[in-house]
PDB file of N, CA and C in Angstrom:
ATOM      1  N   MET A   1      23.879 118.916  20.064  1.00  0.00           N
ATOM      2  CA  MET A   1      23.750 119.873  21.153  1.00  0.00           C
ATOM      3  C   MET A   1      22.366 119.739  21.785  1.00  0.00           C
ATOM      4  N   MET A   2      22.328 119.662  23.096  1.00  0.00           N
ATOM      5  CA  MET A   2      21.074 119.511  23.832  1.00  0.00           C
ATOM      6  C   MET A   2      20.379 120.863  23.948  1.00  0.00           C
ATOM      7  N   ARG A   3      19.091 120.862  23.641  1.00  0.00           N
ATOM      8  CA  ARG A   3      18.282 122.071  23.726  1.00  0.00           C
ATOM      9  C   ARG A   3      18.013 122.422  25.187  1.00  0.00           C
ATOM     10  N   ARG A   4      18.022 123.711  25.507  1.00  0.00           N
ATOM     11  CA  ARG A   4      17.724 124.187  26.858  1.00  0.00           C
ATOM     12  C   ARG A   4      16.262 123.891  27.187  1.00  0.00           C
ATOM     13  N   SER A   5      16.028 123.462  28.405  1.00  0.00           N
ATOM     14  CA  SER A   5      14.691 123.121  28.869  1.00  0.00           C
ATOM     15  C   SER A   5      13.906 124.387  29.220  1.00  0.00           C
ATOM     16  N   VAL A   6      12.649 124.450  28.802  1.00  0.00           N
ATOM     17  CA  VAL A   6      11.759 125.560  29.129  1.00  0.00           C
ATOM     18  C   VAL A   6      10.786 125.068  30.202  1.00  0.00           C
ATOM     19  N   THR A   7      10.645 125.827  31.293  1.00  0.00           N
ATOM     20  CA  THR A   7       9.702 125.486  32.356  1.00  0.00           C
ATOM     21  C   THR A   7       8.732 126.646  32.530  1.00  0.00           C
ATOM     22  N   CYS A   8       7.444 126.341  32.529  1.00  0.00           N
ATOM     23  CA  CYS A   8       6.405 127.372  32.637  1.00  0.00           C
ATOM     24  C   CYS A   8       5.449 127.054  33.771  1.00  0.00           C
ATOM     25  N   ASP A   9       4.722 128.067  34.206  1.00  0.00           N
ATOM     26  CA  ASP A   9       3.650 127.893  35.177  1.00  0.00           C
ATOM     27  C   ASP A   9       2.390 127.438  34.457  1.00  0.00           C
ATOM     28  N   ALA A  10       1.446 126.898  35.232  1.00  0.00           N
ATOM     29  CA  ALA A  10       0.141 126.536  34.682  1.00  0.00           C
ATOM     30  C   ALA A  10      -0.498 127.763  34.038  1.00  0.00           C
ATOM     31  N   TRP A  11      -1.238 127.536  32.987  1.00  0.00           N
ATOM     32  CA  TRP A  11      -2.009 128.513  32.220  1.00  0.00           C
ATOM     33  C   TRP A  11      -1.160 129.294  31.218  1.00  0.00           C
ATOM     34  N   ALA A  12       0.132 128.975  31.107  1.00  0.00           N
ATOM     35  CA  ALA A  12       0.961 129.589  30.068  1.00  0.00           C
ATOM     36  C   ALA A  12       0.582 128.979  28.725  1.00  0.00           C
ATOM     37  N   VAL A  13       0.693 129.782  27.679  1.00  0.00           N
ATOM     38  CA  VAL A  13       0.508 129.295  26.308  1.00  0.00           C
ATOM     39  C   VAL A  13       1.899 129.193  25.695  1.00  0.00           C
ATOM     40  N   VAL A  14       2.212 128.013  25.188  1.00  0.00           N
ATOM     41  CA  VAL A  14       3.531 127.742  24.631  1.00  0.00           C
ATOM     42  C   VAL A  14       3.397 127.246  23.200  1.00  0.00           C
ATOM     43  N   VAL A  15       4.504 127.252  22.483  1.00  0.00           N
ATOM     44  CA  VAL A  15       4.548 126.688  21.129  1.00  0.00           C
ATOM     45  C   VAL A  15       5.311 125.375  21.212  1.00  0.00           C
ATOM     46  N   VAL A  16       4.723 124.321  20.619  1.00  0.00           N
ATOM     47  CA  VAL A  16       5.331 122.985  20.635  1.00  0.00           C
ATOM     48  C   VAL A  16       5.250 122.375  19.236  1.00  0.00           C
ATOM     49  N   PRO A  17       6.110 121.393  18.950  1.00  0.00           N
ATOM     50  CA  PRO A  17       6.011 120.692  17.663  1.00  0.00           C
ATOM     51  C   PRO A  17       4.951 119.590  17.742  1.00  0.00           C
ATOM     52  N   PHE A  18       3.846 119.739  16.993  1.00  0.00           N
ATOM     53  CA  PHE A  18       2.812 118.714  16.927  1.00  0.00           C
ATOM     54  C   PHE A  18       3.090 117.832  15.721  1.00  0.00           C
ATOM     55  N   PRO A  19       3.112 116.509  15.906  1.00  0.00           N
ATOM     56  CA  PRO A  19       3.303 115.628  14.744  1.00  0.00           C
ATOM     57  C   PRO A  19       2.037 115.585  13.897  1.00  0.00           C
ATOM     58  N   PHE A  20       2.219 115.451  12.608  1.00  0.00           N
ATOM     59  CA  PHE A  20       1.087 115.220  11.720  1.00  0.00           C
ATOM     60  C   PHE A  20       0.618 113.787  11.926  1.00  0.00           C
ATOM     61  N   SER A  21      -0.684 113.559  11.861  1.00  0.00           N
ATOM     62  CA  SER A  21      -1.179 112.187  12.022  1.00  0.00           C
ATOM     63  C   SER A  21      -1.189 111.440  10.698  1.00  0.00           C
ATOM     64  N   GLU A  22      -1.256 112.162   9.589  1.00  0.00           N
ATOM     65  CA  GLU A  22      -1.379 111.496   8.295  1.00  0.00           C
ATOM     66  C   GLU A  22      -0.102 111.504   7.455  1.00  0.00           C
ATOM     67  N   LYS A  23       0.962 112.128   7.940  1.00  0.00           N
ATOM     68  CA  LYS A  23       2.227 112.136   7.202  1.00  0.00           C
ATOM     69  C   LYS A  23       3.382 112.402   8.162  1.00  0.00           C
ATOM     70  N   LEU A  24       4.603 112.238   7.664  1.00  0.00           N
ATOM     71  CA  LEU A  24       5.779 112.499   8.490  1.00  0.00           C
ATOM     72  C   LEU A  24       5.965 113.991   8.704  1.00  0.00           C
ATOM     73  N   GLY A  25       6.591 114.337   9.815  1.00  0.00           N
ATOM     74  CA  GLY A  25       6.881 115.736  10.104  1.00  0.00           C
ATOM     75  C   GLY A  25       6.010 116.292  11.209  1.00  0.00           C
ATOM     76  N   PHE A  26       6.156 117.593  11.419  1.00  0.00           N
ATOM     77  CA  PHE A  26       5.396 118.244  12.473  1.00  0.00           C
ATOM     78  C   PHE A  26       5.132 119.694  12.091  1.00  0.00           C
ATOM     79  N   LYS A  27       4.246 120.304  12.847  1.00  0.00           N
ATOM     80  CA  LYS A  27       3.912 121.715  12.679  1.00  0.00           C
ATOM     81  C   LYS A  27       3.966 122.364  14.056  1.00  0.00           C
ATOM     82  N   ARG A  28       4.501 123.560  14.113  1.00  0.00           N
ATOM     83  CA  ARG A  28       4.526 124.291  15.385  1.00  0.00           C
ATOM     84  C   ARG A  28       3.134 124.805  15.694  1.00  0.00           C
ATOM     85  N   ARG A  29       2.655 124.454  16.892  1.00  0.00           N
ATOM     86  CA  ARG A  29       1.285 124.793  17.293  1.00  0.00           C
ATOM     87  C   ARG A  29       1.274 125.294  18.731  1.00  0.00           C
ATOM     88  N   PRO A  30       0.291 126.122  19.079  1.00  0.00           N
ATOM     89  CA  PRO A  30       0.173 126.535  20.482  1.00  0.00           C
ATOM     90  C   PRO A  30      -0.428 125.404  21.326  1.00  0.00           C
ATOM     91  N   ALA A  31      -0.074 125.404  22.601  1.00  0.00           N
ATOM     92  CA  ALA A  31      -0.629 124.453  23.559  1.00  0.00           C
ATOM     93  C   ALA A  31      -0.718 125.155  24.913  1.00  0.00           C
ATOM     94  N   LEU A  32      -1.601 124.660  25.763  1.00  0.00           N
ATOM     95  CA  LEU A  32      -1.825 125.245  27.078  1.00  0.00           C
ATOM     96  C   LEU A  32      -1.189 124.382  28.158  1.00  0.00           C
ATOM     97  N   VAL A  33      -0.375 124.991  29.000  1.00  0.00           N
ATOM     98  CA  VAL A  33       0.233 124.292  30.135  1.00  0.00           C
ATOM     99  C   VAL A  33      -0.833 124.094  31.207  1.00  0.00           C
ATOM    100  N   LEU A  34      -1.059 122.845  31.618  1.00  0.00           N
ATOM    101  CA  LEU A  34      -2.028 122.544  32.668  1.00  0.00           C
ATOM    102  C   LEU A  34      -1.363 122.180  33.985  1.00  0.00           C
ATOM    103  N   SER A  35      -0.187 121.593  33.942  1.00  0.00           N
ATOM    104  CA  SER A  35       0.485 121.175  35.180  1.00  0.00           C
ATOM    105  C   SER A  35       1.163 122.371  35.847  1.00  0.00           C
ATOM    106  N   ASN A  36       1.349 122.261  37.164  1.00  0.00           N
ATOM    107  CA  ASN A  36       1.932 123.381  37.903  1.00  0.00           C
ATOM    108  C   ASN A  36       3.464 123.386  37.788  1.00  0.00           C
ATOM    109  N   ALA A  37       4.079 124.484  38.193  1.00  0.00           N
ATOM    110  CA  ALA A  37       5.525 124.664  38.049  1.00  0.00           C
ATOM    111  C   ALA A  37       6.313 123.592  38.804  1.00  0.00           C
ATOM    112  N   ALA A  38       5.839 123.173  39.975  1.00  0.00           N
ATOM    113  CA  ALA A  38       6.549 122.147  40.748  1.00  0.00           C
ATOM    114  C   ALA A  38       6.626 120.840  39.957  1.00  0.00           C
ATOM    115  N   PHE A  39       5.528 120.443  39.327  1.00  0.00           N
ATOM    116  CA  PHE A  39       5.528 119.243  38.483  1.00  0.00           C
ATOM    117  C   PHE A  39       6.436 119.450  37.274  1.00  0.00           C
ATOM    118  N   ASN A  40       6.320 120.602  36.639  1.00  0.00           N
ATOM    119  CA  ASN A  40       7.054 120.870  35.399  1.00  0.00           C
ATOM    120  C   ASN A  40       8.567 120.882  35.603  1.00  0.00           C
ATOM    121  N   LYS A  41       9.021 121.244  36.804  1.00  0.00           N
ATOM    122  CA  LYS A  41      10.464 121.292  37.080  1.00  0.00           C
ATOM    123  C   LYS A  41      11.115 119.922  37.036  1.00  0.00           C
ATOM    124  N   VAL A  42      10.317 118.853  37.080  1.00  0.00           N
ATOM    125  CA  VAL A  42      10.849 117.498  37.000  1.00  0.00           C
ATOM    126  C   VAL A  42      11.342 117.195  35.583  1.00  0.00           C
ATOM    127  N   GLY A  43      10.883 117.977  34.595  1.00  0.00           N
ATOM    128  CA  GLY A  43      11.370 117.797  33.227  1.00  0.00           C
ATOM    129  C   GLY A  43      10.306 117.538  32.187  1.00  0.00           C
ATOM    130  N   HIS A  44       9.054 117.415  32.621  1.00  0.00           N
ATOM    131  CA  HIS A  44       7.943 117.199  31.697  1.00  0.00           C
ATOM    132  C   HIS A  44       6.792 118.122  32.068  1.00  0.00           C
ATOM    133  N   THR A  45       5.925 118.384  31.089  1.00  0.00           N
ATOM    134  CA  THR A  45       4.792 119.284  31.292  1.00  0.00           C
ATOM    135  C   THR A  45       3.541 118.650  30.702  1.00  0.00           C
ATOM    136  N   VAL A  46       2.414 118.759  31.416  1.00  0.00           N
ATOM    137  CA  VAL A  46       1.123 118.299  30.916  1.00  0.00           C
ATOM    138  C   VAL A  46       0.476 119.459  30.166  1.00  0.00           C
ATOM    139  N   LEU A  47       0.058 119.196  28.934  1.00  0.00           N
ATOM    140  CA  LEU A  47      -0.464 120.233  28.048  1.00  0.00           C
ATOM    141  C   LEU A  47      -1.814 119.842  27.465  1.00  0.00           C
ATOM    142  N   ALA A  48      -2.551 120.860  27.027  1.00  0.00           N
ATOM    143  CA  ALA A  48      -3.786 120.660  26.276  1.00  0.00           C
ATOM    144  C   ALA A  48      -3.618 121.334  24.915  1.00  0.00           C
ATOM    145  N   MET A  49      -4.244 120.775  23.928  1.00  0.00           N
ATOM    146  CA  MET A  49      -4.181 121.304  22.570  1.00  0.00           C
ATOM    147  C   MET A  49      -4.931 122.637  22.475  1.00  0.00           C
ATOM    148  N   ILE A  50      -4.397 123.551  21.719  1.00  0.00           N
ATOM    149  CA  ILE A  50      -5.106 124.782  21.346  1.00  0.00           C
ATOM    150  C   ILE A  50      -5.244 124.744  19.839  1.00  0.00           C
ATOM    151  N   THR A  51      -6.444 124.930  19.358  1.00  0.00           N
ATOM    152  CA  THR A  51      -6.672 124.842  17.922  1.00  0.00           C
ATOM    153  C   THR A  51      -7.631 125.928  17.450  1.00  0.00           C
ATOM    154  N   SER A  52      -7.482 126.316  16.210  1.00  0.00           N
ATOM    155  CA  SER A  52      -8.414 127.266  15.606  1.00  0.00           C
ATOM    156  C   SER A  52      -9.499 126.522  14.846  1.00  0.00           C
ATOM    157  N   LYS A  53      -9.368 125.235  14.748  1.00  0.00           N
ATOM    158  CA  LYS A  53     -10.320 124.424  13.998  1.00  0.00           C
ATOM    159  C   LYS A  53     -11.310 123.763  14.950  1.00  0.00           C
ATOM    160  N   GLY A  54     -12.580 123.977  14.732  1.00  0.00           N
ATOM    161  CA  GLY A  54     -13.597 123.372  15.584  1.00  0.00           C
ATOM    162  C   GLY A  54     -13.903 121.947  15.215  1.00  0.00           C
ATOM    163  N   HIS A  55     -13.948 121.646  13.911  1.00  0.00           N
ATOM    164  CA  HIS A  55     -14.362 120.315  13.445  1.00  0.00           C
ATOM    165  C   HIS A  55     -15.570 119.867  14.261  1.00  0.00           C
ATOM    166  N   ASP A  56     -15.581 118.609  14.651  1.00  0.00           N
ATOM    167  CA  ASP A  56     -16.632 118.134  15.534  1.00  0.00           C
ATOM    168  C   ASP A  56     -16.248 118.509  16.959  1.00  0.00           C
ATOM    169  N   PRO A  57     -17.163 119.099  17.717  1.00  0.00           N
ATOM    170  CA  PRO A  57     -16.813 119.509  19.087  1.00  0.00           C
ATOM    171  C   PRO A  57     -16.467 118.303  19.960  1.00  0.00           C
ATOM    172  N   TRP A  58     -15.543 118.549  20.878  1.00  0.00           N
ATOM    173  CA  TRP A  58     -15.161 117.560  21.891  1.00  0.00           C
ATOM    174  C   TRP A  58     -15.774 117.991  23.219  1.00  0.00           C
ATOM    175  N   PRO A  59     -16.023 117.034  24.119  1.00  0.00           N
ATOM    176  CA  PRO A  59     -16.442 117.424  25.469  1.00  0.00           C
ATOM    177  C   PRO A  59     -15.357 118.296  26.100  1.00  0.00           C
ATOM    178  N   GLY A  60     -15.763 119.375  26.710  1.00  0.00           N
ATOM    179  CA  GLY A  60     -14.813 120.236  27.397  1.00  0.00           C
ATOM    180  C   GLY A  60     -14.156 121.297  26.546  1.00  0.00           C
ATOM    181  N   ASP A  61     -14.464 121.396  25.249  1.00  0.00           N
ATOM    182  CA  ASP A  61     -13.911 122.479  24.429  1.00  0.00           C
ATOM    183  C   ASP A  61     -14.259 123.821  25.044  1.00  0.00           C
ATOM    184  N   VAL A  62     -13.277 124.734  25.092  1.00  0.00           N
ATOM    185  CA  VAL A  62     -13.501 126.068  25.636  1.00  0.00           C
ATOM    186  C   VAL A  62     -12.992 127.095  24.628  1.00  0.00           C
ATOM    187  N   SER A  63     -13.879 127.969  24.168  1.00  0.00           N
ATOM    188  CA  SER A  63     -13.465 129.070  23.296  1.00  0.00           C
ATOM    189  C   SER A  63     -12.760 130.120  24.131  1.00  0.00           C
ATOM    190  N   LEU A  64     -11.624 130.588  23.638  1.00  0.00           N
ATOM    191  CA  LEU A  64     -10.867 131.603  24.372  1.00  0.00           C
ATOM    192  C   LEU A  64     -11.380 132.993  24.037  1.00  0.00           C
ATOM    193  N   ALA A  65     -11.572 133.810  25.069  1.00  0.00           N
ATOM    194  CA  ALA A  65     -12.082 135.162  24.896  1.00  0.00           C
ATOM    195  C   ALA A  65     -10.963 136.193  24.794  1.00  0.00           C
ATOM    196  N   ASP A  66      -9.891 136.012  25.581  1.00  0.00           N
ATOM    197  CA  ASP A  66      -8.801 136.989  25.651  1.00  0.00           C
ATOM    198  C   ASP A  66      -7.605 136.483  24.839  1.00  0.00           C
ATOM    199  N   LEU A  67      -7.697 136.638  23.528  1.00  0.00           N
ATOM    200  CA  LEU A  67      -6.648 136.144  22.635  1.00  0.00           C
ATOM    201  C   LEU A  67      -5.341 136.897  22.821  1.00  0.00           C
ATOM    202  N   SER A  68      -5.420 138.181  23.099  1.00  0.00           N
ATOM    203  CA  SER A  68      -4.226 139.004  23.236  1.00  0.00           C
ATOM    204  C   SER A  68      -3.343 138.518  24.389  1.00  0.00           C
ATOM    205  N   SER A  69      -3.921 138.282  25.563  1.00  0.00           N
ATOM    206  CA  SER A  69      -3.147 137.797  26.711  1.00  0.00           C
ATOM    207  C   SER A  69      -2.520 136.443  26.420  1.00  0.00           C
ATOM    208  N   ALA A  70      -3.233 135.619  25.658  1.00  0.00           N
ATOM    209  CA  ALA A  70      -2.749 134.287  25.340  1.00  0.00           C
ATOM    210  C   ALA A  70      -1.685 134.303  24.240  1.00  0.00           C
ATOM    211  N   GLY A  71      -1.500 135.446  23.578  1.00  0.00           N
ATOM    212  CA  GLY A  71      -0.521 135.526  22.502  1.00  0.00           C
ATOM    213  C   GLY A  71      -1.007 134.927  21.202  1.00  0.00           C
ATOM    214  N   LEU A  72      -2.324 134.846  21.059  1.00  0.00           N
ATOM    215  CA  LEU A  72      -2.926 134.247  19.868  1.00  0.00           C
ATOM    216  C   LEU A  72      -3.517 135.330  18.972  1.00  0.00           C
ATOM    217  N   HIS A  73      -3.589 135.041  17.666  1.00  0.00           N
ATOM    218  CA  HIS A  73      -4.028 136.056  16.701  1.00  0.00           C
ATOM    219  C   HIS A  73      -5.335 135.721  16.000  1.00  0.00           C
ATOM    220  N   VAL A  74      -5.809 134.497  16.160  1.00  0.00           N
ATOM    221  CA  VAL A  74      -7.069 134.086  15.540  1.00  0.00           C
ATOM    222  C   VAL A  74      -7.928 133.411  16.607  1.00  0.00           C
ATOM    223  N   PRO A  75      -9.246 133.396  16.436  1.00  0.00           N
ATOM    224  CA  PRO A  75     -10.105 132.725  17.413  1.00  0.00           C
ATOM    225  C   PRO A  75      -9.676 131.265  17.607  1.00  0.00           C
ATOM    226  N   CYS A  76      -9.562 130.853  18.872  1.00  0.00           N
ATOM    227  CA  CYS A  76      -9.080 129.510  19.199  1.00  0.00           C
ATOM    228  C   CYS A  76      -9.907 128.883  20.304  1.00  0.00           C
ATOM    229  N   ILE A  77      -9.786 127.559  20.383  1.00  0.00           N
ATOM    230  CA  ILE A  77     -10.379 126.823  21.487  1.00  0.00           C
ATOM    231  C   ILE A  77      -9.285 126.014  22.178  1.00  0.00           C
ATOM    232  N   VAL A  78      -9.474 125.807  23.483  1.00  0.00           N
ATOM    233  CA  VAL A  78      -8.664 124.834  24.202  1.00  0.00           C
ATOM    234  C   VAL A  78      -9.426 123.531  24.090  1.00  0.00           C
ATOM    235  N   ARG A  79      -8.767 122.528  23.564  1.00  0.00           N
ATOM    236  CA  ARG A  79      -9.366 121.202  23.405  1.00  0.00           C
ATOM    237  C   ARG A  79      -8.689 120.286  24.409  1.00  0.00           C
ATOM    238  N   LEU A  80      -9.466 119.583  25.195  1.00  0.00           N
ATOM    239  CA  LEU A  80      -8.907 118.728  26.233  1.00  0.00           C
ATOM    240  C   LEU A  80      -8.347 117.427  25.647  1.00  0.00           C
ATOM    241  N   LYS A  81      -7.538 117.599  24.636  1.00  0.00           N
ATOM    242  CA  LYS A  81      -6.726 116.532  24.059  1.00  0.00           C
ATOM    243  C   LYS A  81      -5.386 116.691  24.761  1.00  0.00           C
ATOM    244  N   LEU A  82      -5.187 115.921  25.830  1.00  0.00           N
ATOM    245  CA  LEU A  82      -4.070 116.133  26.751  1.00  0.00           C
ATOM    246  C   LEU A  82      -2.878 115.267  26.386  1.00  0.00           C
ATOM    247  N   PHE A  83      -1.688 115.793  26.686  1.00  0.00           N
ATOM    248  CA  PHE A  83      -0.454 115.051  26.441  1.00  0.00           C
ATOM    249  C   PHE A  83       0.634 115.582  27.358  1.00  0.00           C
ATOM    250  N   THR A  84       1.653 114.771  27.570  1.00  0.00           N
ATOM    251  CA  THR A  84       2.806 115.161  28.369  1.00  0.00           C
ATOM    252  C   THR A  84       3.998 115.245  27.432  1.00  0.00           C
ATOM    253  N   LEU A  85       4.792 116.306  27.597  1.00  0.00           N
ATOM    254  CA  LEU A  85       5.911 116.549  26.689  1.00  0.00           C
ATOM    255  C   LEU A  85       7.158 116.888  27.486  1.00  0.00           C
ATOM    256  N   ASP A  86       8.289 116.407  27.033  1.00  0.00           N
ATOM    257  CA  ASP A  86       9.583 116.767  27.610  1.00  0.00           C
ATOM    258  C   ASP A  86       9.757 118.279  27.479  1.00  0.00           C
ATOM    259  N   ASN A  87      10.191 118.938  28.541  1.00  0.00           N
ATOM    260  CA  ASN A  87      10.336 120.395  28.526  1.00  0.00           C
ATOM    261  C   ASN A  87      11.306 120.894  27.458  1.00  0.00           C
ATOM    262  N   ARG A  88      12.228 120.053  27.009  1.00  0.00           N
ATOM    263  CA  ARG A  88      13.156 120.474  25.951  1.00  0.00           C
ATOM    264  C   ARG A  88      12.452 120.664  24.620  1.00  0.00           C
ATOM    265  N   LEU A  89      11.207 120.155  24.511  1.00  0.00           N
ATOM    266  CA  LEU A  89      10.433 120.320  23.276  1.00  0.00           C
ATOM    267  C   LEU A  89       9.511 121.541  23.309  1.00  0.00           C
ATOM    268  N   LEU A  90       9.430 122.210  24.454  1.00  0.00           N
ATOM    269  CA  LEU A  90       8.672 123.468  24.522  1.00  0.00           C
ATOM    270  C   LEU A  90       9.530 124.526  23.837  1.00  0.00           C
ATOM    271  N   LEU A  91       9.059 125.047  22.725  1.00  0.00           N
ATOM    272  CA  LEU A  91       9.879 125.955  21.926  1.00  0.00           C
ATOM    273  C   LEU A  91       9.951 127.352  22.516  1.00  0.00           C
ATOM    274  N   ARG A  92       8.809 127.876  22.978  1.00  0.00           N
ATOM    275  CA  ARG A  92       8.794 129.202  23.604  1.00  0.00           C
ATOM    276  C   ARG A  92       7.425 129.460  24.221  1.00  0.00           C
ATOM    277  N   ARG A  93       7.392 130.388  25.163  1.00  0.00           N
ATOM    278  CA  ARG A  93       6.147 130.844  25.787  1.00  0.00           C
ATOM    279  C   ARG A  93       5.675 132.054  25.000  1.00  0.00           C
ATOM    280  N   ILE A  94       4.360 132.091  24.653  1.00  0.00           N
ATOM    281  CA  ILE A  94       3.845 133.233  23.885  1.00  0.00           C
ATOM    282  C   ILE A  94       2.822 134.060  24.657  1.00  0.00           C
ATOM    283  N   GLY A  95       2.360 133.559  25.798  1.00  0.00           N
ATOM    284  CA  GLY A  95       1.376 134.304  26.579  1.00  0.00           C
ATOM    285  C   GLY A  95       0.839 133.460  27.710  1.00  0.00           C
ATOM    286  N   SER A  96      -0.230 133.946  28.333  1.00  0.00           N
ATOM    287  CA  SER A  96      -0.925 133.230  29.407  1.00  0.00           C
ATOM    288  C   SER A  96      -2.408 133.506  29.276  1.00  0.00           C
ATOM    289  N   LEU A  97      -3.219 132.574  29.740  1.00  0.00           N
ATOM    290  CA  LEU A  97      -4.667 132.785  29.685  1.00  0.00           C
ATOM    291  C   LEU A  97      -5.083 133.936  30.590  1.00  0.00           C
ATOM    292  N   GLY A  98      -6.074 134.692  30.142  1.00  0.00           N
ATOM    293  CA  GLY A  98      -6.678 135.721  30.973  1.00  0.00           C
ATOM    294  C   GLY A  98      -7.507 135.068  32.069  1.00  0.00           C
ATOM    295  N   VAL A  99      -7.865 135.838  33.079  1.00  0.00           N
ATOM    296  CA  VAL A  99      -8.564 135.326  34.264  1.00  0.00           C
ATOM    297  C   VAL A  99      -9.849 134.588  33.907  1.00  0.00           C
ATOM    298  N   SER A 100     -10.693 135.162  33.067  1.00  0.00           N
ATOM    299  CA  SER A 100     -11.967 134.501  32.746  1.00  0.00           C
ATOM    300  C   SER A 100     -11.736 133.208  31.963  1.00  0.00           C
ATOM    301  N   ASP A 101     -10.715 133.181  31.102  1.00  0.00           N
ATOM    302  CA  ASP A 101     -10.404 131.957  30.363  1.00  0.00           C
ATOM    303  C   ASP A 101      -9.867 130.878  31.304  1.00  0.00           C
ATOM    304  N   VAL A 102      -9.044 131.260  32.278  1.00  0.00           N
ATOM    305  CA  VAL A 102      -8.546 130.303  33.275  1.00  0.00           C
ATOM    306  C   VAL A 102      -9.730 129.675  34.012  1.00  0.00           C
ATOM    307  N   GLN A 103     -10.689 130.496  34.426  1.00  0.00           N
ATOM    308  CA  GLN A 103     -11.847 129.985  35.166  1.00  0.00           C
ATOM    309  C   GLN A 103     -12.641 128.992  34.325  1.00  0.00           C
ATOM    310  N   ARG A 104     -12.863 129.318  33.053  1.00  0.00           N
ATOM    311  CA  ARG A 104     -13.671 128.442  32.200  1.00  0.00           C
ATOM    312  C   ARG A 104     -12.936 127.146  31.842  1.00  0.00           C
ATOM    313  N   VAL A 105     -11.629 127.235  31.571  1.00  0.00           N
ATOM    314  CA  VAL A 105     -10.863 126.020  31.263  1.00  0.00           C
ATOM    315  C   VAL A 105     -10.737 125.155  32.513  1.00  0.00           C
ATOM    316  N   SER A 106     -10.496 125.763  33.656  1.00  0.00           N
ATOM    317  CA  SER A 106     -10.399 125.021  34.912  1.00  0.00           C
ATOM    318  C   SER A 106     -11.694 124.266  35.195  1.00  0.00           C
ATOM    319  N   LYS A 107     -12.819 124.925  34.982  1.00  0.00           N
ATOM    320  CA  LYS A 107     -14.123 124.282  35.181  1.00  0.00           C
ATOM    321  C   LYS A 107     -14.288 123.108  34.215  1.00  0.00           C
ATOM    322  N   ALA A 108     -13.898 123.284  32.963  1.00  0.00           N
ATOM    323  CA  ALA A 108     -14.010 122.210  31.967  1.00  0.00           C
ATOM    324  C   ALA A 108     -13.122 121.021  32.338  1.00  0.00           C
ATOM    325  N   VAL A 109     -11.900 121.300  32.808  1.00  0.00           N
ATOM    326  CA  VAL A 109     -10.992 120.221  33.222  1.00  0.00           C
ATOM    327  C   VAL A 109     -11.611 119.446  34.381  1.00  0.00           C
ATOM    328  N   ARG A 110     -12.096 120.161  35.388  1.00  0.00           N
ATOM    329  CA  ARG A 110     -12.691 119.505  36.556  1.00  0.00           C
ATOM    330  C   ARG A 110     -13.916 118.655  36.158  1.00  0.00           C
ATOM    331  N   SER A 111     -14.787 119.234  35.351  1.00  0.00           N
ATOM    332  CA  SER A 111     -16.018 118.501  35.019  1.00  0.00           C
ATOM    333  C   SER A 111     -15.763 117.345  34.044  1.00  0.00           C
ATOM    334  N   THR A 112     -14.713 117.440  33.253  1.00  0.00           N
ATOM    335  CA  THR A 112     -14.415 116.385  32.285  1.00  0.00           C
ATOM    336  C   THR A 112     -13.583 115.262  32.901  1.00  0.00           C
ATOM    337  N   LEU A 113     -12.638 115.607  33.764  1.00  0.00           N
ATOM    338  CA  LEU A 113     -11.702 114.600  34.272  1.00  0.00           C
ATOM    339  C   LEU A 113     -12.012 114.106  35.685  1.00  0.00           C
ATOM    340  N   VAL A 114     -12.671 114.911  36.484  1.00  0.00           N
ATOM    341  CA  VAL A 114     -12.796 114.572  37.900  1.00  0.00           C
ATOM    342  C   VAL A 114     -14.184 114.080  38.278  1.00  0.00           C
ATOM    343  N   SER A 115     -15.218 114.655  37.718  1.00  0.00           N
ATOM    344  CA  SER A 115     -16.571 114.313  38.185  1.00  0.00           C
ATOM    345  C   SER A 115     -17.052 112.964  37.702  1.00  0.00           C
TER     346      SER A 115
END
């Protein structure tokens, strides 16, 4: 049975299956939708990783301030580890970034990818 496709607007926080890098399988993790709804309606969505683990900082990491709006329960960062995923793999939408978080992530995307 084919899974129903989920389409979201930019700045939505969704849950997706992330593969483990060191073993088989996956873990459900939050991710941030970066592409707009018009792009996403084609069947794929551009996403950024959301993680609670800082490890070594990456260029463009943004700590999220409004966890409640994003549907998150622990302090998290948006990491500009970008990927494109088939919309049928988007499991569900859990929230959206608050205004100040959108501004800071947007600035990080522009300064990391465009300048």
